Amino acid sequence: MNRRAALLLMTLFLYSSLFSVPFTMVDAQAPSCEFVMALPDDLMGLNPNFEFNFLQYTYYTLVYDTLISYDDDLEPIPWLAESWAVSEDSLQINFTIREGAKWHDGFDVTPADVKFTFEYLQNSPELRWANVHHISDIAIDGQTVVINLIQPDFMAFMLLGMLLIVPEHIRSGIAPDDLRWSDPSNLTLHTGSGPFKFKKRVPGEYVELERFDEWWGPRNPSVGQLPNIDTFRLDVITDPSIRILSMRNGDVDTERYALSGSLAIAVLDAPELDLITGVASIWNYELGFNVDAHGLDDVVLRRAIAHALNRDQLVDFGTLGFGTPTNSVIPYEFYSSYYHPDGAFYEYDVEKANEILDGANYTDKDGDGIREYPGLENDTNLAFELRAISWDEQGVQTGNGIKMQLKEIGIQIEVVPMDPQVFWPGILTIPREYEMKCESWVFFPMPVQARMRMHSENIGDWNSNHNGISNATLDAALDDLAAATPSTVYERIRLVQLYAKENIPYIPLYQQDDIHPIRKEWTNYSRAVGGPFCPLNVRSIIFMYDSSLSNGTTQVQGFDILIIGGTSVGALMAGVTLTYLYMKKRK
């Protein structure tokens, strides 16, 4: 019995409902409608485009508008920009800004605010967003912002379209990284134009937002309404079991990230909760390397490690089967039109891995099962620290699986779960302190993460090239990809995948399923790729509503989704199946 068969068995035996739920728009509900999302960790701060990770992005995209957003197929849709155009040579991008949009303080949002945002980031003291430095000049023509680029970049409209637009009349004259932007006591400093307004933050406890009734959403055909939620709160609850208990008690409605496989039983047995399954997430787990770290600066060693990893087994370790192995930095599972088999990473082959290490003189001279470095360091064990975020159960358990697998080729691994406040500075500040890391990285609708992750221009404090890879051939391939046309993109993206495979800055492992628990009364959220709270699809939160408060709906479109209502029988069968997967991974 394989892993997917086991998951099918669980589904077939669950004593619950299987149905299609329509995706609807409804009139904004009474002010009593509150939605609470639990976070596993506190926000880094409140400064958009600077204190940035995808834990933050849900907050940011509710308070600040981007120029474009995405629908349920992760196709771009008009947002603050009602339209856009990209020149054939990919050197000019025009964003036409929506008229009538307001900042939360009542001032008009103008094309000048958009121009200011891009120039504000260009002049920032740190290179957080390298793509704004590809802009040569910006002009305004009526409602249109005309952006000219120094070099062609066919994906620039997506990267620029994702930047959070900030108000010139508040930000002008104050440095982008000024600490006051994260001061929760001054509401004016957190003025955006998004569907919700900042109301209050208690660090370490919660952030509270309230609906912005002057938001432009009802005038956008892609939206057509205000949010149904009046108050949106992000509660910090670090313990996953307490998050589930809080949901059952009605104090919390859902959690930000997908549920770990080991907690599925608790949700299945909870009559107050639904478990959303059958949805692919936008998160891909990987084994990352600091390529400047001693030993890991040897690509031969990294290649041997790649051969030693059994991805199917790691999916079971990390998610108890709720995931899909991936073998490329641009994997087929998410980017079927961009994937090329030439970029597929090295297949699982322990014998080959040991052969590579033997040939490079990484041998076990003292017979203790751990190899030593070659040459003058022949008495030093081949041993590394692998870091993971402490609240990320999938990352920690996947790290433990990697530890077990690398032991088979004589490499010693110590898995170190770390508090995020320690983990991230060690990963993102130079000199980097880490050796290996196991974490998930987000997929974007276009594979822009390839350049973000692997181009040397993104090496720097708190930038996106965490691994420190700097390779002229790979940089050139990424530059060529940016200048691609529809007729050349496939070949150029093939070369990027090939050179990534040859240089191995990180090893893709698996795409996690989006398994989401949510209170039963909530409905009308997205069931497409990325799950109900995909930060790229803001409409999901705008459209969702509490069915116990709704007086009627108007159907717009329908989606099929598996929603599992918890019962004791269902939990029992799930428990049998998950136990089987657990025993399988121990073999």
Protein backbone atom coordinates (compact mmCIF):
# COMPACT_ATOMS: atom_id res chain seq x y z
CA MET A 1 0.00 0.00 0.00
CA ASN A 2 1.54 3.35 -0.99
CA ARG A 3 1.14 6.74 0.64
CA ARG A 4 -1.51 8.04 -1.73
CA ALA A 5 -3.52 4.85 -1.43
CA ALA A 6 -3.45 5.30 2.31
CA LEU A 7 -4.74 8.84 1.99
CA LEU A 8 -7.51 7.62 -0.33
CA LEU A 9 -8.46 4.97 2.20
CA MET A 10 -8.80 7.63 4.88
CA THR A 11 -11.07 9.67 2.64
CA LEU A 12 -13.30 6.74 1.66
CA PHE A 13 -13.87 5.65 5.24
CA LEU A 14 -14.45 9.02 6.81
CA TYR A 15 -17.93 9.08 8.24
CA SER A 16 -18.66 12.54 6.95
CA SER A 17 -19.97 14.72 4.15
CA LEU A 18 -18.47 15.16 0.68
CA PHE A 19 -19.95 18.03 -1.26
CA SER A 20 -19.51 21.00 -3.58
CA VAL A 21 -19.76 24.46 -2.05
CA PRO A 22 -20.57 27.50 -4.24
CA PHE A 23 -18.27 30.51 -4.13
CA THR A 24 -20.56 33.50 -3.59
CA MET A 25 -20.63 37.24 -3.09
CA VAL A 26 -22.87 38.55 -0.31
CA ASP A 27 -23.80 41.91 1.10
CA ALA A 28 -21.55 43.15 3.88
CA GLN A 29 -22.85 41.81 7.18
CA ALA A 30 -23.73 43.50 10.43
CA PRO A 31 -20.88 44.97 12.49
CA SER A 32 -21.02 41.98 14.84
CA CYS A 33 -19.17 39.80 12.33
CA GLU A 34 -15.67 39.11 13.70
CA PHE A 35 -13.07 36.69 12.32
CA VAL A 36 -10.06 35.56 14.35
CA MET A 37 -7.02 33.89 12.77
CA ALA A 38 -4.36 32.31 15.00
CA LEU A 39 -0.69 32.92 14.21
CA PRO A 40 2.12 30.60 15.36
CA ASP A 41 4.36 33.60 16.01
CA ASP A 42 4.13 37.35 16.41
CA LEU A 43 4.52 39.74 13.49
CA MET A 44 8.05 41.02 12.96
CA GLY A 45 6.69 44.55 12.86
CA LEU A 46 4.22 46.72 10.98
CA ASN A 47 6.40 48.29 8.28
CA PRO A 48 5.26 47.14 4.81
CA ASN A 49 7.92 46.12 2.28
CA PHE A 50 10.58 46.08 5.00
CA GLU A 51 9.62 43.91 7.97
CA PHE A 52 8.49 41.30 5.51
CA ASN A 53 7.80 37.60 5.39
CA PHE A 54 4.71 35.66 4.42
CA LEU A 55 3.55 35.44 8.01
CA GLN A 56 3.23 39.22 7.72
CA TYR A 57 1.72 39.25 4.25
CA THR A 58 -1.84 38.45 5.33
CA TYR A 59 -1.78 41.53 7.55
CA TYR A 60 -0.12 43.71 4.94
CA THR A 61 -2.48 42.86 2.06
CA LEU A 62 -5.52 43.60 4.21
CA VAL A 63 -4.26 47.03 5.29
CA TYR A 64 -2.32 48.06 2.15
CA ASP A 65 -3.23 47.62 -1.49
CA THR A 66 -1.03 46.12 -4.17
CA LEU A 67 -1.42 47.11 -7.81
CA ILE A 68 -2.53 43.64 -8.87
CA SER A 69 -3.96 40.66 -7.04
CA TYR A 70 -4.78 37.09 -8.05
CA ASP A 71 -7.90 35.03 -8.61
CA ASP A 72 -8.55 31.42 -7.68
CA ASP A 73 -6.45 30.17 -10.59
CA LEU A 74 -3.62 32.50 -9.47
CA GLU A 75 -4.13 34.57 -12.60
CA PRO A 76 -3.55 38.34 -12.18
CA ILE A 77 -6.61 40.52 -11.72
CA PRO A 78 -6.98 44.32 -11.44
CA TRP A 79 -6.60 45.67 -7.92
CA LEU A 80 -5.45 49.21 -7.13
CA ALA A 81 -4.39 49.28 -10.78
CA GLU A 82 -7.49 48.81 -12.93
CA SER A 83 -5.33 47.79 -15.90
CA TRP A 84 -1.71 47.36 -16.98
CA ALA A 85 0.31 46.92 -20.15
CA VAL A 86 3.81 45.55 -20.79
CA SER A 87 5.76 46.50 -23.90
CA GLU A 88 6.88 43.79 -26.31
CA ASP A 89 10.52 44.33 -25.36
CA SER A 90 9.65 44.10 -21.61
CA LEU A 91 11.29 47.48 -21.00
CA GLN A 92 8.17 49.45 -20.12
CA ILE A 93 5.25 48.74 -17.79
CA ASN A 94 2.17 50.96 -17.54
CA PHE A 95 -0.14 50.71 -14.52
CA THR A 96 -3.41 52.67 -14.76
CA ILE A 97 -4.46 53.55 -11.22
CA ARG A 98 -8.07 53.26 -10.12
CA GLU A 99 -9.87 56.58 -9.65
CA GLY A 100 -11.76 57.22 -6.43
CA ALA A 101 -9.59 55.06 -4.15
CA LYS A 102 -9.07 56.55 -0.68
CA TRP A 103 -6.47 56.26 2.03
CA HIS A 104 -7.83 55.32 5.42
CA ASP A 105 -7.54 58.98 6.51
CA GLY A 106 -9.78 60.13 3.65
CA PHE A 107 -7.13 61.47 1.25
CA ASP A 108 -7.26 60.34 -2.39
CA VAL A 109 -4.91 57.62 -3.59
CA THR A 110 -3.14 59.03 -6.66
CA PRO A 111 -0.63 57.87 -9.28
CA ALA A 112 1.86 60.10 -7.44
CA ASP A 113 1.58 57.77 -4.41
CA VAL A 114 2.53 54.81 -6.60
CA LYS A 115 5.48 56.68 -8.11
CA PHE A 116 6.52 57.75 -4.61
CA THR A 117 6.37 54.16 -3.30
CA PHE A 118 8.72 52.83 -5.99
CA GLU A 119 11.18 55.72 -5.58
CA TYR A 120 10.92 55.46 -1.80
CA LEU A 121 12.06 51.84 -2.02
CA GLN A 122 14.75 52.68 -4.58
CA ASN A 123 16.24 55.16 -2.12
CA SER A 124 16.00 52.88 0.87
CA PRO A 125 19.24 52.12 2.76
CA GLU A 126 18.96 48.37 2.20
CA LEU A 127 18.45 46.44 -1.01
CA ARG A 128 15.27 44.63 0.05
CA TRP A 129 13.56 44.61 -3.35
CA ALA A 130 16.18 44.37 -6.09
CA ASN A 131 13.60 44.72 -8.84
CA VAL A 132 12.93 48.40 -8.04
CA HIS A 133 16.59 49.05 -8.82
CA HIS A 134 15.91 47.90 -12.38
CA ILE A 135 13.75 51.00 -12.86
CA SER A 136 15.41 53.79 -14.85
CA ASP A 137 12.65 56.39 -14.53
CA ILE A 138 8.96 56.79 -13.69
CA ALA A 139 6.51 59.21 -15.29
CA ILE A 140 2.85 60.00 -14.72
CA ASP A 141 0.40 60.38 -17.60
CA GLY A 142 -3.04 61.15 -16.18
CA GLN A 143 -3.99 58.08 -14.11
CA THR A 144 -1.21 55.98 -15.65
CA VAL A 145 2.16 55.34 -14.03
CA VAL A 146 4.75 54.74 -16.77
CA ILE A 147 7.72 52.68 -15.60
CA ASN A 148 10.82 52.33 -17.79
CA LEU A 149 13.30 49.57 -16.94
CA ILE A 150 17.07 49.51 -17.28
CA GLN A 151 16.94 45.94 -18.56
CA PRO A 152 14.16 43.73 -19.93
CA ASP A 153 12.22 41.74 -17.36
CA PHE A 154 9.12 39.90 -18.51
CA MET A 155 8.16 39.08 -14.89
CA ALA A 156 8.70 42.61 -13.53
CA PHE A 157 5.02 43.54 -13.73
CA MET A 158 4.25 40.79 -11.21
CA LEU A 159 7.04 41.78 -8.82
CA LEU A 160 6.21 45.48 -9.01
CA GLY A 161 2.53 44.67 -8.86
CA MET A 162 3.04 42.91 -5.52
CA LEU A 163 4.65 45.90 -3.79
CA LEU A 164 2.51 47.45 -1.07
CA ILE A 165 1.60 51.03 -1.96
CA VAL A 166 2.14 53.59 0.82
CA PRO A 167 0.90 57.20 1.19
CA GLU A 168 3.27 59.97 0.16
CA HIS A 169 1.61 62.53 2.43
CA ILE A 170 2.50 60.43 5.49
CA ARG A 171 5.77 58.76 4.48
CA SER A 172 7.56 61.59 2.70
CA GLY A 173 10.66 62.82 4.53
CA ILE A 174 10.89 59.84 6.89
CA ALA A 175 13.32 56.99 6.14
CA PRO A 176 11.66 53.75 4.95
CA ASP A 177 13.28 51.73 7.73
CA ASP A 178 12.59 54.24 10.53
CA LEU A 179 11.55 52.39 13.69
CA ARG A 180 8.47 54.58 14.13
CA TRP A 181 6.73 52.67 11.30
CA SER A 182 6.31 49.74 13.70
CA ASP A 183 5.05 51.84 16.61
CA PRO A 184 1.50 50.54 17.29
CA SER A 185 0.52 53.59 19.34
CA ASN A 186 0.32 55.95 16.34
CA LEU A 187 -2.55 54.85 14.09
CA THR A 188 -1.75 57.46 11.44
CA LEU A 189 1.58 55.78 10.66
CA HIS A 190 -0.27 52.63 9.59
CA THR A 191 -2.55 54.31 7.08
CA GLY A 192 -3.15 52.20 4.01
CA SER A 193 -5.85 51.94 1.36
CA GLY A 194 -6.76 48.28 1.80
CA PRO A 195 -10.08 46.67 2.79
CA PHE A 196 -9.24 46.86 6.52
CA LYS A 197 -7.83 49.62 8.74
CA PHE A 198 -5.27 49.12 11.49
CA LYS A 199 -6.94 49.53 14.87
CA LYS A 200 -4.69 48.12 17.59
CA ARG A 201 -1.70 45.94 18.28
CA VAL A 202 -0.56 44.38 21.54
CA PRO A 203 2.88 42.91 20.74
CA GLY A 204 3.04 39.21 21.45
CA GLU A 205 -0.75 38.97 21.75
CA TYR A 206 -2.81 40.25 18.80
CA VAL A 207 -3.36 42.73 15.99
CA GLU A 208 -6.89 44.03 15.41
CA LEU A 209 -8.22 45.46 12.14
CA GLU A 210 -11.59 46.97 11.25
CA ARG A 211 -13.35 47.11 7.90
CA PHE A 212 -12.71 50.23 5.81
CA ASP A 213 -16.16 51.17 4.53
CA GLU A 214 -14.77 53.60 1.91
CA TRP A 215 -12.71 50.88 0.21
CA TRP A 216 -13.01 50.81 -3.57
CA GLY A 217 -13.89 47.09 -3.77
CA PRO A 218 -17.59 47.51 -4.68
CA ARG A 219 -16.53 49.43 -7.83
CA ASN A 220 -14.09 46.74 -8.99
CA PRO A 221 -15.83 44.08 -11.15
CA SER A 222 -13.30 41.53 -9.85
CA VAL A 223 -14.55 42.13 -6.29
CA GLY A 224 -17.92 43.87 -6.27
CA GLN A 225 -18.34 44.28 -2.52
CA LEU A 226 -16.88 45.25 0.83
CA PRO A 227 -15.62 42.52 3.14
CA ASN A 228 -18.36 40.65 4.98
CA ILE A 229 -16.16 40.71 8.08
CA ASP A 230 -16.33 43.78 10.28
CA THR A 231 -13.40 43.00 12.61
CA PHE A 232 -10.39 40.88 11.64
CA ARG A 233 -8.03 39.84 14.43
CA LEU A 234 -4.69 38.04 14.31
CA ASP A 235 -4.05 36.27 17.63
CA VAL A 236 -0.59 34.97 18.55
CA ILE A 237 -0.93 31.38 19.82
CA THR A 238 2.37 29.54 19.61
CA ASP A 239 1.21 26.10 20.80
CA PRO A 240 -0.54 24.18 17.97
CA SER A 241 -2.68 22.15 20.39
CA ILE A 242 -3.93 25.34 22.04
CA ARG A 243 -4.74 26.76 18.60
CA ILE A 244 -7.02 23.75 17.96
CA LEU A 245 -8.57 24.02 21.42
CA SER A 246 -9.19 27.75 20.88
CA MET A 247 -10.97 26.94 17.62
CA ARG A 248 -13.13 24.35 19.33
CA ASN A 249 -14.01 26.82 22.10
CA GLY A 250 -14.99 29.48 19.56
CA ASP A 251 -12.22 31.91 20.55
CA VAL A 252 -10.47 31.45 17.19
CA ASP A 253 -11.93 30.66 13.75
CA THR A 254 -8.89 29.27 11.90
CA GLU A 255 -5.10 29.38 11.81
CA ARG A 256 -2.75 31.05 9.35
CA TYR A 257 -0.80 28.05 8.10
CA ALA A 258 -1.81 24.58 7.02
CA LEU A 259 -2.38 22.04 9.75
CA SER A 260 0.34 19.48 10.42
CA GLY A 261 -0.65 15.90 9.66
CA SER A 262 -0.27 14.81 13.28
CA LEU A 263 -3.05 17.19 14.40
CA ALA A 264 -5.55 15.98 11.77
CA ILE A 265 -7.11 13.49 14.17
CA ALA A 266 -7.89 16.20 16.71
CA VAL A 267 -9.72 18.19 14.05
CA LEU A 268 -11.53 15.18 12.60
CA ASP A 269 -12.94 14.41 16.03
CA ALA A 270 -14.10 18.01 16.62
CA PRO A 271 -17.80 18.53 15.73
CA GLU A 272 -17.29 22.31 15.71
CA LEU A 273 -14.63 22.23 12.98
CA ASP A 274 -14.26 21.37 9.31
CA LEU A 275 -11.02 20.10 7.80
CA ILE A 276 -10.35 21.36 4.29
CA THR A 277 -8.28 18.90 2.26
CA GLY A 278 -7.51 18.15 -1.37
CA VAL A 279 -5.96 21.59 -1.93
CA ALA A 280 -2.37 22.17 -3.01
CA SER A 281 -0.52 24.85 -1.07
CA ILE A 282 1.91 27.44 -2.43
CA TRP A 283 4.59 26.24 0.01
CA ASN A 284 7.52 24.03 -0.94
CA TYR A 285 9.82 22.52 1.67
CA GLU A 286 13.52 22.41 0.92
CA LEU A 287 16.91 21.62 2.38
CA GLY A 288 18.87 24.85 2.19
CA PHE A 289 22.65 25.26 2.37
CA ASN A 290 24.88 28.11 3.40
CA VAL A 291 27.26 27.61 0.48
CA ASP A 292 29.91 29.67 2.28
CA ALA A 293 29.95 27.30 5.27
CA HIS A 294 32.93 25.00 5.66
CA GLY A 295 32.30 21.72 3.86
CA LEU A 296 29.07 22.88 2.26
CA ASP A 297 31.09 25.12 -0.04
CA ASP A 298 31.94 21.87 -1.88
CA VAL A 299 29.32 21.22 -4.57
CA VAL A 300 30.45 17.57 -4.72
CA LEU A 301 29.36 17.10 -1.13
CA ARG A 302 26.05 18.82 -1.85
CA ARG A 303 25.52 16.51 -4.83
CA ALA A 304 26.09 13.44 -2.67
CA ILE A 305 23.54 14.77 -0.17
CA ALA A 306 21.03 15.25 -3.00
CA HIS A 307 21.39 11.60 -3.99
CA ALA A 308 20.86 10.48 -0.38
CA LEU A 309 17.42 12.09 0.08
CA ASN A 310 14.29 9.96 -0.29
CA ARG A 311 11.56 12.54 -0.92
CA ASP A 312 8.65 10.12 -0.59
CA GLN A 313 9.84 9.19 2.87
CA LEU A 314 10.38 12.84 3.80
CA VAL A 315 6.77 13.63 2.83
CA ASP A 316 5.68 10.97 5.31
CA PHE A 317 8.06 12.27 7.96
CA GLY A 318 7.03 15.89 7.57
CA THR A 319 3.33 15.72 6.74
CA LEU A 320 2.21 12.11 7.33
CA GLY A 321 1.54 11.85 3.62
CA PHE A 322 -0.11 15.23 2.94
CA GLY A 323 2.33 16.44 0.31
CA THR A 324 3.82 15.84 -3.14
CA PRO A 325 7.56 15.33 -3.82
CA THR A 326 9.21 18.01 -5.99
CA ASN A 327 12.51 17.63 -7.80
CA SER A 328 13.26 21.00 -9.40
CA VAL A 329 13.60 24.64 -8.37
CA ILE A 330 10.74 25.17 -10.85
CA PRO A 331 8.77 21.97 -10.22
CA TYR A 332 6.26 20.40 -12.56
CA GLU A 333 3.76 20.10 -9.70
CA PHE A 334 3.30 23.89 -9.62
CA TYR A 335 4.78 25.15 -12.90
CA SER A 336 3.83 22.49 -15.42
CA SER A 337 4.28 24.89 -18.37
CA TYR A 338 7.77 25.99 -17.22
CA TYR A 339 9.22 22.74 -15.86
CA HIS A 340 11.90 20.94 -17.88
CA PRO A 341 13.22 17.46 -17.05
CA ASP A 342 16.81 18.65 -17.60
CA GLY A 343 16.46 20.49 -14.28
CA ALA A 344 15.30 17.46 -12.29
CA PHE A 345 17.56 17.00 -9.27
CA TYR A 346 19.58 13.87 -8.67
CA GLU A 347 17.56 10.72 -8.04
CA TYR A 348 17.57 8.91 -4.71
CA ASP A 349 20.54 6.54 -4.84
CA VAL A 350 22.39 5.85 -1.59
CA GLU A 351 24.99 3.72 -3.36
CA LYS A 352 25.76 6.57 -5.75
CA ALA A 353 25.96 9.06 -2.86
CA ASN A 354 28.50 6.89 -1.04
CA GLU A 355 30.47 6.44 -4.26
CA ILE A 356 30.69 10.22 -4.73
CA LEU A 357 31.91 10.76 -1.17
CA ASP A 358 34.47 7.97 -1.44
CA GLY A 359 35.79 9.45 -4.68
CA ALA A 360 36.19 12.86 -3.00
CA ASN A 361 38.11 11.28 -0.07
CA TYR A 362 35.38 11.86 2.52
CA THR A 363 36.04 8.56 4.26
CA ASP A 364 35.34 7.02 7.66
CA LYS A 365 38.89 6.50 8.85
CA ASP A 366 38.13 5.63 12.47
CA GLY A 367 35.20 3.30 11.73
CA ASP A 368 32.65 5.15 13.91
CA GLY A 369 30.10 5.45 11.08
CA ILE A 370 30.81 9.15 10.48
CA ARG A 371 33.02 10.25 7.61
CA GLU A 372 35.88 12.68 8.08
CA TYR A 373 37.07 15.56 5.92
CA PRO A 374 39.85 14.76 3.45
CA GLY A 375 43.46 15.89 3.73
CA LEU A 376 44.73 17.73 6.77
CA GLU A 377 41.32 17.60 8.44
CA ASN A 378 41.09 13.83 8.40
CA ASP A 379 40.33 13.74 12.11
CA THR A 380 37.34 16.11 11.82
CA ASN A 381 33.91 14.52 11.49
CA LEU A 382 31.64 15.45 8.61
CA ALA A 383 28.95 16.95 10.86
CA PHE A 384 26.50 19.82 10.39
CA GLU A 385 23.79 21.68 12.24
CA LEU A 386 20.38 21.76 10.56
CA ARG A 387 18.10 24.57 11.74
CA ALA A 388 14.30 24.71 11.62
CA ILE A 389 11.70 27.09 13.06
CA SER A 390 10.48 25.71 16.37
CA TRP A 391 6.75 26.14 15.63
CA ASP A 392 7.08 24.55 12.17
CA GLU A 393 6.40 20.90 12.99
CA GLN A 394 6.72 19.90 9.32
CA GLY A 395 10.15 21.52 9.08
CA VAL A 396 11.40 19.95 12.30
CA GLN A 397 10.13 16.47 11.42
CA THR A 398 11.45 16.73 7.86
CA GLY A 399 14.80 17.70 9.36
CA ASN A 400 14.71 14.57 11.51
CA GLY A 401 14.05 12.52 8.38
CA ILE A 402 17.03 14.15 6.65
CA LYS A 403 19.17 13.37 9.69
CA MET A 404 18.22 9.69 9.45
CA GLN A 405 18.84 9.53 5.69
CA LEU A 406 22.22 11.28 5.76
CA LYS A 407 23.41 8.96 8.50
CA GLU A 408 23.27 6.22 5.86
CA ILE A 409 26.07 7.99 3.95
CA GLY A 410 28.16 8.84 7.00
CA ILE A 411 27.10 12.47 7.55
CA GLN A 412 26.15 13.50 11.08
CA ILE A 413 23.29 15.99 11.46
CA GLU A 414 22.06 17.79 14.56
CA VAL A 415 18.53 19.14 14.15
CA VAL A 416 18.12 22.40 16.09
CA PRO A 417 14.58 23.86 16.38
CA MET A 418 14.89 27.61 16.92
CA ASP A 419 12.65 30.44 17.97
CA PRO A 420 11.98 32.61 14.88
CA GLN A 421 13.60 35.63 16.52
CA VAL A 422 16.84 33.63 16.57
CA PHE A 423 16.33 31.61 13.39
CA TRP A 424 15.79 34.48 10.95
CA PRO A 425 18.73 36.75 11.90
CA GLY A 426 21.04 33.74 11.62
CA ILE A 427 19.72 33.02 8.13
CA LEU A 428 19.34 36.54 6.78
CA THR A 429 22.21 38.60 8.16
CA ILE A 430 25.78 38.46 6.89
CA PRO A 431 27.92 36.70 7.84
CA ARG A 432 25.32 33.92 7.98
CA GLU A 433 25.56 31.74 11.05
CA TYR A 434 23.76 28.64 9.78
CA GLU A 435 24.99 25.56 7.91
CA MET A 436 21.79 23.83 6.80
CA LYS A 437 18.13 24.76 7.19
CA CYS A 438 14.82 23.08 6.53
CA GLU A 439 12.00 25.49 5.78
CA SER A 440 9.27 26.17 3.25
CA TRP A 441 9.39 28.79 0.52
CA VAL A 442 6.42 30.27 -1.28
CA PHE A 443 5.65 29.73 -4.96
CA PHE A 444 4.49 32.77 -6.89
CA PRO A 445 2.16 32.64 -9.90
CA MET A 446 5.23 33.14 -12.12
CA PRO A 447 8.56 31.54 -11.11
CA VAL A 448 10.12 34.79 -9.94
CA GLN A 449 11.54 33.04 -6.90
CA ALA A 450 14.29 31.57 -9.12
CA ARG A 451 15.90 35.00 -9.51
CA MET A 452 15.08 36.02 -5.94
CA ARG A 453 16.68 32.88 -4.53
CA MET A 454 19.71 32.43 -6.76
CA HIS A 455 20.87 35.70 -8.36
CA SER A 456 23.91 37.27 -6.70
CA GLU A 457 22.22 40.71 -6.79
CA ASN A 458 20.00 39.42 -3.96
CA ILE A 459 22.87 38.61 -1.59
CA GLY A 460 22.72 40.97 1.36
CA ASP A 461 21.31 41.48 4.82
CA TRP A 462 17.65 40.47 4.97
CA ASN A 463 17.54 39.75 1.27
CA SER A 464 16.21 36.72 -0.58
CA ASN A 465 19.40 34.85 -1.61
CA HIS A 466 19.71 33.14 1.76
CA ASN A 467 22.14 30.55 0.46
CA GLY A 468 24.80 32.98 -0.73
CA ILE A 469 25.10 31.35 -4.15
CA SER A 470 27.10 33.51 -6.54
CA ASN A 471 27.72 31.90 -9.90
CA ALA A 472 28.36 33.86 -13.09
CA THR A 473 26.78 31.23 -15.34
CA LEU A 474 23.64 31.05 -13.22
CA ASP A 475 23.44 34.86 -13.00
CA ALA A 476 23.71 35.13 -16.79
CA ALA A 477 20.99 32.53 -17.28
CA LEU A 478 18.69 34.41 -14.89
CA ASP A 479 19.42 37.69 -16.71
CA ASP A 480 18.63 36.03 -20.04
CA LEU A 481 15.39 34.67 -18.60
CA ALA A 482 14.34 38.15 -17.52
CA ALA A 483 14.74 39.31 -21.14
CA ALA A 484 12.84 36.31 -22.54
CA THR A 485 10.04 36.56 -25.08
CA PRO A 486 7.22 34.00 -25.44
CA SER A 487 9.28 32.21 -28.10
CA THR A 488 12.47 32.00 -26.00
CA VAL A 489 11.19 31.61 -22.44
CA TYR A 490 11.02 27.81 -22.39
CA GLU A 491 14.64 27.31 -23.44
CA ARG A 492 15.91 30.01 -21.10
CA ILE A 493 14.01 28.68 -18.13
CA ARG A 494 15.37 25.21 -18.96
CA LEU A 495 18.90 26.55 -18.57
CA VAL A 496 18.06 28.16 -15.23
CA GLN A 497 16.79 24.81 -13.95
CA LEU A 498 19.83 22.99 -15.32
CA TYR A 499 22.36 25.38 -13.74
CA ALA A 500 20.46 25.30 -10.44
CA LYS A 501 20.75 21.52 -10.48
CA GLU A 502 24.48 21.76 -11.17
CA ASN A 503 25.14 24.34 -8.42
CA ILE A 504 22.66 23.02 -5.79
CA PRO A 505 22.14 26.11 -3.60
CA TYR A 506 19.22 24.22 -2.07
CA ILE A 507 17.41 20.92 -2.63
CA PRO A 508 13.64 20.99 -3.30
CA LEU A 509 11.83 18.31 -1.29
CA TYR A 510 8.04 18.48 -1.45
CA GLN A 511 5.00 20.69 -1.94
CA GLN A 512 2.83 20.67 1.15
CA ASP A 513 -0.93 20.13 0.94
CA ASP A 514 -3.05 22.93 2.38
CA ILE A 515 -4.91 21.13 5.19
CA HIS A 516 -6.92 23.81 6.94
CA PRO A 517 -9.12 23.61 10.04
CA ILE A 518 -11.91 26.19 10.29
CA ARG A 519 -15.03 26.74 12.34
CA LYS A 520 -18.06 25.16 10.63
CA GLU A 521 -20.08 28.38 10.49
CA TRP A 522 -17.62 29.99 8.04
CA THR A 523 -18.14 29.50 4.32
CA ASN A 524 -17.49 30.97 0.87
CA TYR A 525 -13.70 30.99 1.16
CA SER A 526 -11.44 29.99 -1.72
CA ARG A 527 -10.78 26.32 -2.35
CA ALA A 528 -8.27 26.81 -5.14
CA VAL A 529 -4.49 26.41 -5.21
CA GLY A 530 -3.00 28.09 -2.16
CA GLY A 531 -5.92 27.27 0.10
CA PRO A 532 -8.50 29.47 1.79
CA PHE A 533 -6.01 32.03 3.12
CA CYS A 534 -3.50 32.25 0.31
CA PRO A 535 -1.95 35.74 0.80
CA LEU A 536 -1.88 36.22 -2.98
CA ASN A 537 -5.69 35.89 -3.18
CA VAL A 538 -7.15 38.62 -0.96
CA ARG A 539 -10.65 38.03 -2.33
CA SER A 540 -11.00 34.86 -0.29
CA ILE A 541 -11.11 36.82 2.96
CA ILE A 542 -13.32 39.50 1.41
CA PHE A 543 -15.93 36.99 0.18
CA MET A 544 -16.06 34.64 3.18
CA TYR A 545 -18.86 35.01 5.69
CA ASP A 546 -20.36 33.55 8.84
CA SER A 547 -23.35 31.51 7.64
CA SER A 548 -25.07 31.90 11.00
CA LEU A 549 -25.33 35.65 10.32
CA SER A 550 -26.06 35.67 6.56
CA ASN A 551 -29.55 36.43 5.21
CA GLY A 552 -29.00 35.19 1.70
CA THR A 553 -26.45 34.88 -1.08
CA THR A 554 -26.05 35.35 -4.80
CA GLN A 555 -24.10 32.59 -6.48
CA VAL A 556 -21.24 33.66 -8.72
CA GLN A 557 -19.25 30.52 -9.40
CA GLY A 558 -18.74 27.06 -7.94
CA PHE A 559 -15.77 24.97 -6.87
CA ASP A 560 -15.49 21.35 -5.82
CA ILE A 561 -13.79 20.81 -2.50
CA LEU A 562 -13.53 18.05 0.02
CA ILE A 563 -14.62 19.26 3.45
CA ILE A 564 -14.42 16.65 6.16
CA GLY A 565 -16.73 17.07 9.11
CA GLY A 566 -15.34 15.46 12.25
CA THR A 567 -16.88 12.36 13.81
CA SER A 568 -15.50 9.71 16.09
CA VAL A 569 -15.75 7.04 13.37
CA GLY A 570 -13.93 9.27 10.90
CA ALA A 571 -11.23 10.02 13.42
CA LEU A 572 -10.79 6.34 14.14
CA MET A 573 -10.29 5.47 10.46
CA ALA A 574 -7.96 8.46 9.96
CA GLY A 575 -6.03 7.36 13.00
CA VAL A 576 -5.55 3.87 11.57
CA THR A 577 -4.32 5.32 8.28
CA LEU A 578 -2.02 7.92 9.80
CA THR A 579 -0.61 5.30 12.14
CA TYR A 580 0.17 3.14 9.12
CA LEU A 581 2.03 6.06 7.51
CA TYR A 582 3.92 6.70 10.71
CA MET A 583 4.98 3.08 11.00
CA LYS A 584 5.97 3.11 7.33
CA LYS A 585 8.32 6.05 7.78
CA ARG A 586 10.10 4.28 10.62
CA LYS A 587 11.05 1.32 8.44
